[in-house]
Amino acid sequence: MQHRKEKNSSWIIVLFLVLNSSIGYAQLGGGSAFAMLELPSNARIAGIGGQHYTIRAQDPSLFLSNPALLSDTSKNYFGFQYGAMPSQVNYLNASFNSTYKKLPIGFAVRRVAYGTMDAYDDGGNPTGTFAPSDYAITAGTAYQTGPFRLGANLHFLGSNIEQYSANAIAFDLGALFIHPKRDFTIGITARNTGFALSNYTSNSTLRLPFNLGFGMTYKLEHMPLRFSLTSHNWQRFDITYLDPNKIGELDASGNEVKEQKTFFDNFARHFVIGGEFLLGKAFNVRVGYNHLINRELKLEDRARRAGWSYGFMVKIKGLEIAYSRAIYSVAGGTNFVGVNMALNRFFKKTVTTPKQTINS
C-alpha cells in the first residue's frame, strides 16, 4: 500500500473539512467523518449564522436542518444550492418536496468535492492524482398534530479518498412547536446519529458528527424583522479550546499567565444569532453571527469579521434566488447561491376547450 502525502496547502484545507465536524467547528471535531452533514443546507441558513432549526418557508432544503420543517406548503418545490469554498472545494445540494398520503416528504442529494490532489509514494515520486469527495442521499417526512410537528430523516452517506472509501447510515429527529396565533416557532433536533456500514480501513473507527440543538424564531409584530436564536452541540457542554502553545501574558512579577476558560465564553459558543429584514414580499436581507466560529477562527489580534455572515433573497415570479457569504477568517469565506422554484408554476397543465361552431 502506498503512503499518500500532501503537496500544497489545499490538502491542509481538505483535512480541515473532512476531519472536523464542520467549517468553523474545528475543536468539536477531530474524530468525526462526513463533515458535510454540518454544512449549511442552503444559502438562507448560511446567511443567518450557519445553524438554524426553526424557520418556516417554501424552501425544499430546510428539512435537512430539522425534518420537522417539512410541510405541504413546499409541495412540488425544487431547490438547488451551490457553495464555493477555499481551495476549489465545492458544495452541491439538490432537493425536492412532495406529499405521500397527505404526509409531506423531502428528498435531497448532497455532494462535497474537495478538488484534485496530487499523490506521491514513500519516496516522494508522483503517482497521479485523485479527487476526494463526500455525498449524502436523504429522505425525510413529518407529521403534525395540533401546534406540534414531528419529523425524521434517513441519510445514506458515502466518502471516497483515493482508493479508500466509507459508507454509513444516519438519522435525524426533530420537533417543532408552531404558535397558533403569532409568527413564533420553537424547535429541537438530534441530528447525525447512526452507524458505519464500511470504513476507510479495518483499523480505523468512524464516528458521525452528532449535534443536539434547539432554537426559536419570532417575527416582530410591528417591524419587518424575523429574529432567530439557535443553540447547537449541547451533547457536549465544554466546547472551548485553548491552544496549549499560545504564549500567555506576563503578570507583574514577570510570570507567564496562560489563558483560562470562562463559563460565559463557553456558553456563548453554543449560540448563533440571525435576522431577516423583510423588505417586501419579494426581497429580504439576512445577517447572522456565530460566536464559536469567531472564537475558533480569529487571529490572535485580529478578530475582524470571523463568524459574521450576510446575504439577500429576491423573488422573480416563480423563482426565489438567494446569495449569502459566510466569513470564517481574514483569509476569506464561503459564497452560497441558492435557487428555489415552484414546479407547478413552470409546468402548468394546458387545458384545451373544444372549439365552438358559430351558426350563421
Protein backbone atom coordinates (compact mmCIF):
# COMPACT_ATOMS: atom_id res chain seq x y z
CA MET A 1 0.00 0.00 0.00
CA GLN A 2 1.36 3.36 -0.96
CA HIS A 3 1.58 6.14 1.54
CA ARG A 4 -0.09 9.39 0.35
CA LYS A 5 1.01 12.81 1.48
CA GLU A 6 0.07 16.38 0.64
CA LYS A 7 1.84 18.60 -1.82
CA ASN A 8 0.34 22.02 -1.19
CA SER A 9 -1.89 23.99 1.14
CA SER A 10 -5.08 22.63 -0.42
CA TRP A 11 -4.53 19.33 1.39
CA ILE A 12 -4.47 21.14 4.71
CA ILE A 13 -7.87 22.62 3.96
CA VAL A 14 -9.20 19.21 2.95
CA LEU A 15 -8.12 17.71 6.25
CA PHE A 16 -9.76 20.66 7.99
CA LEU A 17 -13.03 19.96 6.21
CA VAL A 18 -13.04 16.17 6.36
CA LEU A 19 -11.80 15.53 9.88
CA ASN A 20 -13.70 18.26 11.70
CA SER A 21 -17.37 18.42 12.39
CA SER A 22 -17.90 21.42 10.13
CA ILE A 23 -16.24 24.55 8.86
CA GLY A 24 -15.65 26.62 11.93
CA TYR A 25 -16.13 23.75 14.38
CA ALA A 26 -12.54 22.59 14.45
CA GLN A 27 -12.27 21.91 18.15
CA LEU A 28 -15.52 19.97 18.23
CA GLY A 29 -14.19 17.62 15.59
CA GLY A 30 -11.08 15.65 15.02
CA GLY A 31 -12.82 12.30 15.37
CA SER A 32 -15.83 12.62 13.05
CA ALA A 33 -16.26 11.79 9.40
CA PHE A 34 -18.84 13.13 6.93
CA ALA A 35 -18.26 16.76 7.83
CA MET A 36 -20.67 17.80 5.08
CA LEU A 37 -23.61 16.93 7.36
CA GLU A 38 -22.90 20.07 9.38
CA LEU A 39 -22.52 22.46 6.46
CA PRO A 40 -25.37 24.96 5.96
CA SER A 41 -28.01 23.20 3.89
CA ASN A 42 -28.80 26.32 1.85
CA ALA A 43 -27.95 29.98 1.24
CA ARG A 44 -30.61 31.18 3.68
CA ILE A 45 -29.10 29.32 6.63
CA ALA A 46 -25.57 30.29 5.60
CA GLY A 47 -26.63 33.95 5.70
CA ILE A 48 -28.09 33.81 9.22
CA GLY A 49 -25.22 32.12 11.01
CA GLY A 50 -24.83 28.60 9.60
CA GLN A 51 -27.03 26.77 12.14
CA HIS A 52 -30.82 27.00 12.16
CA TYR A 53 -33.74 24.71 13.06
CA THR A 54 -36.92 26.77 13.27
CA ILE A 55 -37.58 28.97 10.25
CA ARG A 56 -40.61 28.02 8.13
CA ALA A 57 -40.55 28.81 4.43
CA GLN A 58 -41.23 27.33 0.99
CA ASP A 59 -37.66 26.11 0.81
CA PRO A 60 -37.29 22.40 -0.05
CA SER A 61 -33.90 22.01 1.63
CA LEU A 62 -34.82 23.29 5.11
CA PHE A 63 -35.73 19.78 6.28
CA LEU A 64 -32.02 18.90 6.19
CA SER A 65 -31.56 21.12 9.26
CA ASN A 66 -34.71 19.94 11.03
CA PRO A 67 -37.02 17.31 9.50
CA ALA A 68 -39.96 18.85 11.37
CA LEU A 69 -39.72 21.82 8.99
CA LEU A 70 -41.24 19.67 6.24
CA SER A 71 -44.78 20.74 5.37
CA ASP A 72 -47.18 20.57 2.46
CA THR A 73 -46.65 24.31 1.80
CA SER A 74 -43.46 23.39 -0.07
CA LYS A 75 -45.11 20.61 -2.08
CA ASN A 76 -43.62 20.32 -5.60
CA TYR A 77 -40.82 22.76 -4.81
CA PHE A 78 -37.37 22.07 -6.21
CA GLY A 79 -34.18 23.70 -4.97
CA PHE A 80 -30.54 23.82 -5.97
CA GLN A 81 -27.77 25.13 -3.71
CA TYR A 82 -24.12 25.74 -4.50
CA GLY A 83 -21.31 26.68 -2.14
CA ALA A 84 -17.88 27.86 -3.33
CA MET A 85 -15.25 27.28 -0.65
CA PRO A 86 -11.48 27.85 -0.46
CA SER A 87 -9.06 25.73 -2.49
CA GLN A 88 -11.55 24.54 -5.14
CA VAL A 89 -13.84 22.85 -2.62
CA ASN A 90 -17.45 22.86 -3.88
CA TYR A 91 -20.75 22.02 -2.19
CA LEU A 92 -23.81 20.96 -4.21
CA ASN A 93 -27.32 20.27 -2.95
CA ALA A 94 -30.44 19.36 -4.95
CA SER A 95 -33.70 18.91 -3.05
CA PHE A 96 -37.36 18.27 -3.77
CA ASN A 97 -40.51 18.23 -1.61
CA SER A 98 -43.78 16.44 -2.29
CA THR A 99 -46.52 14.58 -0.39
CA TYR A 100 -47.48 10.93 0.06
CA LYS A 101 -50.84 10.02 1.57
CA LYS A 102 -51.12 13.56 2.98
CA LEU A 103 -47.69 13.33 4.61
CA PRO A 104 -45.01 15.77 3.41
CA ILE A 105 -41.86 14.09 2.16
CA GLY A 106 -38.50 15.50 1.23
CA PHE A 107 -35.62 14.21 -0.88
CA ALA A 108 -32.12 15.62 -1.22
CA VAL A 109 -28.78 14.71 -2.74
CA ARG A 110 -25.67 16.49 -1.45
CA ARG A 111 -22.07 16.28 -2.55
CA VAL A 112 -18.85 17.97 -1.47
CA ALA A 113 -15.95 17.77 -3.93
CA TYR A 114 -12.57 18.60 -2.41
CA GLY A 115 -10.74 19.34 -5.64
CA THR A 116 -7.96 17.42 -7.36
CA MET A 117 -4.95 16.28 -5.32
CA ASP A 118 -1.51 15.12 -6.38
CA ALA A 119 -0.47 11.74 -4.97
CA TYR A 120 3.04 10.60 -4.05
CA ASP A 121 4.62 7.40 -2.82
CA ASP A 122 7.01 6.99 0.13
CA GLY A 123 9.92 8.22 -1.94
CA GLY A 124 8.17 11.42 -2.99
CA ASN A 125 7.57 10.23 -6.53
CA PRO A 126 4.33 11.39 -8.18
CA THR A 127 1.82 8.61 -8.77
CA GLY A 128 -1.04 10.57 -10.33
CA THR A 129 -4.00 12.50 -8.98
CA PHE A 130 -7.18 11.76 -7.06
CA ALA A 131 -10.37 13.67 -6.26
CA PRO A 132 -11.81 13.03 -2.77
CA SER A 133 -15.49 13.63 -2.18
CA ASP A 134 -18.36 13.03 0.24
CA TYR A 135 -22.03 12.57 -0.61
CA ALA A 136 -25.36 12.09 1.15
CA ILE A 137 -28.73 10.85 -0.10
CA THR A 138 -31.56 11.88 2.22
CA ALA A 139 -35.28 11.17 2.59
CA GLY A 140 -37.48 12.68 5.28
CA THR A 141 -41.06 13.05 6.42
CA ALA A 142 -43.04 14.87 9.10
CA TYR A 143 -46.37 14.64 10.89
CA GLN A 144 -48.35 17.43 12.54
CA THR A 145 -50.69 17.15 15.49
CA GLY A 146 -52.14 20.38 16.83
CA PRO A 147 -49.40 23.01 17.14
CA PHE A 148 -46.66 20.37 17.16
CA ARG A 149 -44.86 18.86 14.19
CA LEU A 150 -42.54 15.84 14.40
CA GLY A 151 -40.12 14.76 11.69
CA ALA A 152 -37.41 12.25 10.83
CA ASN A 153 -34.68 11.98 8.19
CA LEU A 154 -32.75 8.99 6.90
CA HIS A 155 -29.32 9.53 5.29
CA PHE A 156 -27.18 7.19 3.24
CA LEU A 157 -23.62 8.52 3.38
CA GLY A 158 -20.59 7.86 1.24
CA SER A 159 -16.99 9.08 1.20
CA ASN A 160 -14.12 8.46 -1.21
CA ILE A 161 -10.48 9.42 -0.61
CA GLU A 162 -8.22 7.96 -3.31
CA GLN A 163 -8.63 4.14 -3.09
CA TYR A 164 -10.20 4.36 0.38
CA SER A 165 -13.96 4.60 0.92
CA ALA A 166 -16.51 4.57 3.72
CA ASN A 167 -20.30 4.32 3.99
CA ALA A 168 -22.73 4.95 6.82
CA ILE A 169 -26.40 5.29 7.75
CA ALA A 170 -27.51 8.32 9.79
CA PHE A 171 -30.78 9.55 11.27
CA ASP A 172 -32.23 12.92 12.29
CA LEU A 173 -35.15 13.52 14.64
CA GLY A 174 -36.82 16.89 15.04
CA ALA A 175 -39.77 18.58 16.70
CA LEU A 176 -41.35 21.98 16.15
CA PHE A 177 -43.88 24.00 18.14
CA ILE A 178 -45.85 26.44 15.99
CA HIS A 179 -47.69 29.18 17.84
CA PRO A 180 -51.34 29.15 16.70
CA LYS A 181 -51.64 32.96 16.50
CA ARG A 182 -48.20 34.52 16.37
CA ASP A 183 -45.35 34.07 13.92
CA PHE A 184 -43.34 32.19 16.53
CA THR A 185 -41.72 28.74 16.48
CA ILE A 186 -39.58 26.67 18.83
CA GLY A 187 -37.64 23.67 17.58
CA ILE A 188 -35.32 20.92 18.77
CA THR A 189 -33.23 18.46 16.78
CA ALA A 190 -30.98 15.46 17.31
CA ARG A 191 -29.00 15.07 14.08
CA ASN A 192 -26.42 12.76 12.58
CA THR A 193 -26.70 9.73 14.80
CA GLY A 194 -26.12 6.37 13.16
CA PHE A 195 -23.58 3.70 12.33
CA ALA A 196 -20.93 2.79 9.79
CA LEU A 197 -21.56 0.24 7.06
CA SER A 198 -17.92 0.20 5.98
CA ASN A 199 -14.80 2.11 6.98
CA TYR A 200 -11.76 3.55 5.22
CA THR A 201 -9.51 0.89 6.77
CA SER A 202 -10.02 -2.06 9.08
CA ASN A 203 -8.02 -0.32 11.82
CA SER A 204 -9.92 2.99 11.86
CA THR A 205 -13.07 3.97 13.73
CA LEU A 206 -15.75 6.04 12.01
CA ARG A 207 -17.86 8.43 14.04
CA LEU A 208 -20.61 10.79 12.87
CA PRO A 209 -20.83 14.48 13.89
CA PHE A 210 -23.78 14.16 16.27
CA ASN A 211 -25.42 17.50 17.05
CA LEU A 212 -28.12 18.16 19.63
CA GLY A 213 -29.62 21.62 19.27
CA PHE A 214 -32.67 23.81 19.79
CA GLY A 215 -33.80 27.28 18.84
CA MET A 216 -36.57 29.77 18.27
CA THR A 217 -37.72 32.17 15.56
CA TYR A 218 -40.00 35.16 16.09
CA LYS A 219 -41.38 37.71 13.65
CA LEU A 220 -41.85 41.06 15.38
CA GLU A 221 -45.46 42.18 15.08
CA HIS A 222 -44.88 45.80 14.08
CA MET A 223 -41.46 45.58 12.46
CA PRO A 224 -40.27 43.87 9.26
CA LEU A 225 -37.79 41.73 11.19
CA ARG A 226 -37.69 37.99 11.76
CA PHE A 227 -35.30 37.22 14.63
CA SER A 228 -33.75 33.81 15.37
CA LEU A 229 -31.73 32.40 18.24
CA THR A 230 -30.21 28.96 17.62
CA SER A 231 -28.23 26.79 20.02
CA HIS A 232 -26.14 23.82 18.91
CA ASN A 233 -23.90 20.97 20.12
CA TRP A 234 -25.42 20.50 23.57
CA GLN A 235 -24.29 16.87 23.59
CA ARG A 236 -21.09 18.41 24.94
CA PHE A 237 -21.17 21.49 27.13
CA ASP A 238 -17.46 22.35 27.16
CA ILE A 239 -16.59 23.25 23.55
CA THR A 240 -13.88 25.80 24.38
CA TYR A 241 -10.44 25.03 23.03
CA LEU A 242 -7.33 26.78 24.33
CA ASP A 243 -4.15 26.44 22.32
CA PRO A 244 -1.51 24.97 24.67
CA ASN A 245 1.22 26.55 22.52
CA LYS A 246 -0.17 30.06 22.80
CA ILE A 247 2.11 32.35 24.79
CA GLY A 248 0.32 33.91 27.75
CA GLU A 249 0.61 37.41 29.10
CA LEU A 250 3.10 38.30 31.82
CA ASP A 251 1.96 39.31 35.28
CA ALA A 252 3.58 41.99 37.48
CA SER A 253 6.26 39.51 38.56
CA GLY A 254 7.13 38.56 35.00
CA ASN A 255 5.48 35.14 35.20
CA GLU A 256 3.53 33.85 32.22
CA VAL A 257 -0.23 33.60 32.83
CA LYS A 258 -1.97 31.18 30.47
CA GLU A 259 -5.42 31.96 29.10
CA GLN A 260 -8.24 30.42 31.14
CA LYS A 261 -11.64 29.15 30.12
CA THR A 262 -14.64 31.16 31.23
CA PHE A 263 -18.21 29.98 31.70
CA PHE A 264 -19.73 32.86 29.74
CA ASP A 265 -17.49 32.44 26.71
CA ASN A 266 -18.08 28.68 26.58
CA PHE A 267 -21.84 29.17 26.98
CA ALA A 268 -21.93 31.79 24.21
CA ARG A 269 -20.12 29.46 21.80
CA HIS A 270 -23.25 27.32 21.66
CA PHE A 271 -25.37 30.15 20.21
CA VAL A 272 -25.99 31.68 16.80
CA ILE A 273 -27.97 34.89 16.28
CA GLY A 274 -29.66 35.58 12.97
CA GLY A 275 -32.09 38.05 11.47
CA GLU A 276 -34.02 38.63 8.26
CA PHE A 277 -35.17 42.10 7.29
CA LEU A 278 -38.36 41.59 5.28
CA LEU A 279 -38.28 44.46 2.81
CA GLY A 280 -41.39 43.38 0.96
CA LYS A 281 -42.70 40.02 -0.23
CA ALA A 282 -40.08 39.75 -2.97
CA PHE A 283 -36.91 40.88 -1.20
CA ASN A 284 -35.18 40.47 2.15
CA VAL A 285 -31.74 40.94 3.66
CA ARG A 286 -30.10 38.47 6.05
CA VAL A 287 -27.40 38.72 8.68
CA GLY A 288 -26.01 36.34 11.30
CA TYR A 289 -23.31 35.90 13.92
CA ASN A 290 -21.78 32.61 15.11
CA HIS A 291 -19.70 33.11 18.26
CA LEU A 292 -17.97 29.72 18.04
CA ILE A 293 -16.64 30.46 14.58
CA ASN A 294 -15.48 33.88 15.74
CA ARG A 295 -13.56 32.45 18.70
CA GLU A 296 -12.05 29.48 16.89
CA LEU A 297 -11.01 31.09 13.61
CA LYS A 298 -9.98 34.60 14.57
CA LEU A 299 -6.33 35.56 14.50
CA GLU A 300 -4.83 36.31 17.89
CA ASP A 301 -5.00 40.08 17.49
CA ARG A 302 -7.46 40.38 14.60
CA ALA A 303 -10.93 39.02 15.23
CA ARG A 304 -12.25 41.11 12.34
CA ARG A 305 -15.47 39.70 10.90
CA ALA A 306 -14.92 36.00 11.56
CA GLY A 307 -18.24 34.39 12.42
CA TRP A 308 -20.36 37.01 10.64
CA SER A 309 -22.50 36.23 7.63
CA TYR A 310 -24.85 38.15 5.41
CA GLY A 311 -26.97 37.73 2.31
CA PHE A 312 -30.16 38.56 0.49
CA MET A 313 -33.10 36.92 -1.28
CA VAL A 314 -35.11 38.12 -4.26
CA LYS A 315 -38.21 36.56 -5.82
CA ILE A 316 -38.83 36.81 -9.54
CA LYS A 317 -42.17 35.26 -10.48
CA GLY A 318 -41.83 31.59 -9.59
CA LEU A 319 -38.12 31.76 -8.73
CA GLU A 320 -36.52 32.53 -5.38
CA ILE A 321 -32.85 33.42 -5.75
CA ALA A 322 -30.60 33.79 -2.70
CA TYR A 323 -26.97 34.71 -2.12
CA SER A 324 -25.02 34.59 1.15
CA ARG A 325 -21.43 34.97 2.26
CA ALA A 326 -20.15 33.41 5.47
CA ILE A 327 -16.86 34.82 6.77
CA TYR A 328 -14.58 32.34 8.53
CA SER A 329 -11.29 34.22 8.80
CA VAL A 330 -9.31 37.14 7.44
CA ALA A 331 -8.30 34.79 4.63
CA GLY A 332 -11.84 34.77 3.29
CA GLY A 333 -15.08 32.88 3.48
CA THR A 334 -17.63 30.87 1.56
CA ASN A 335 -20.15 32.04 -1.01
CA PHE A 336 -23.53 30.31 -1.24
CA VAL A 337 -26.03 30.64 -4.07
CA GLY A 338 -29.47 29.06 -3.97
CA VAL A 339 -32.40 28.82 -6.37
CA ASN A 340 -35.84 27.53 -5.36
CA MET A 341 -38.73 27.13 -7.77
CA ALA A 342 -42.37 26.11 -7.60
CA LEU A 343 -42.62 23.47 -10.30
CA ASN A 344 -46.38 23.94 -10.57
CA ARG A 345 -45.82 27.43 -11.92
CA PHE A 346 -43.40 26.27 -14.60
CA PHE A 347 -45.17 23.11 -15.68
CA LYS A 348 -48.84 24.00 -15.63
CA LYS A 349 -51.16 21.69 -17.44
CA THR A 350 -52.58 23.19 -20.57
CA VAL A 351 -56.37 22.98 -20.61
CA THR A 352 -57.95 22.80 -24.05
CA THR A 353 -61.59 23.52 -24.74
CA PRO A 354 -63.50 22.27 -27.74
CA LYS A 355 -63.99 24.76 -30.50
CA GLN A 356 -67.47 26.17 -30.75
CA THR A 357 -69.29 26.21 -34.08
CA ILE A 358 -70.85 29.55 -34.85
CA ASN A 359 -74.11 29.17 -36.80
CA SER A 360 -74.73 31.75 -39.44
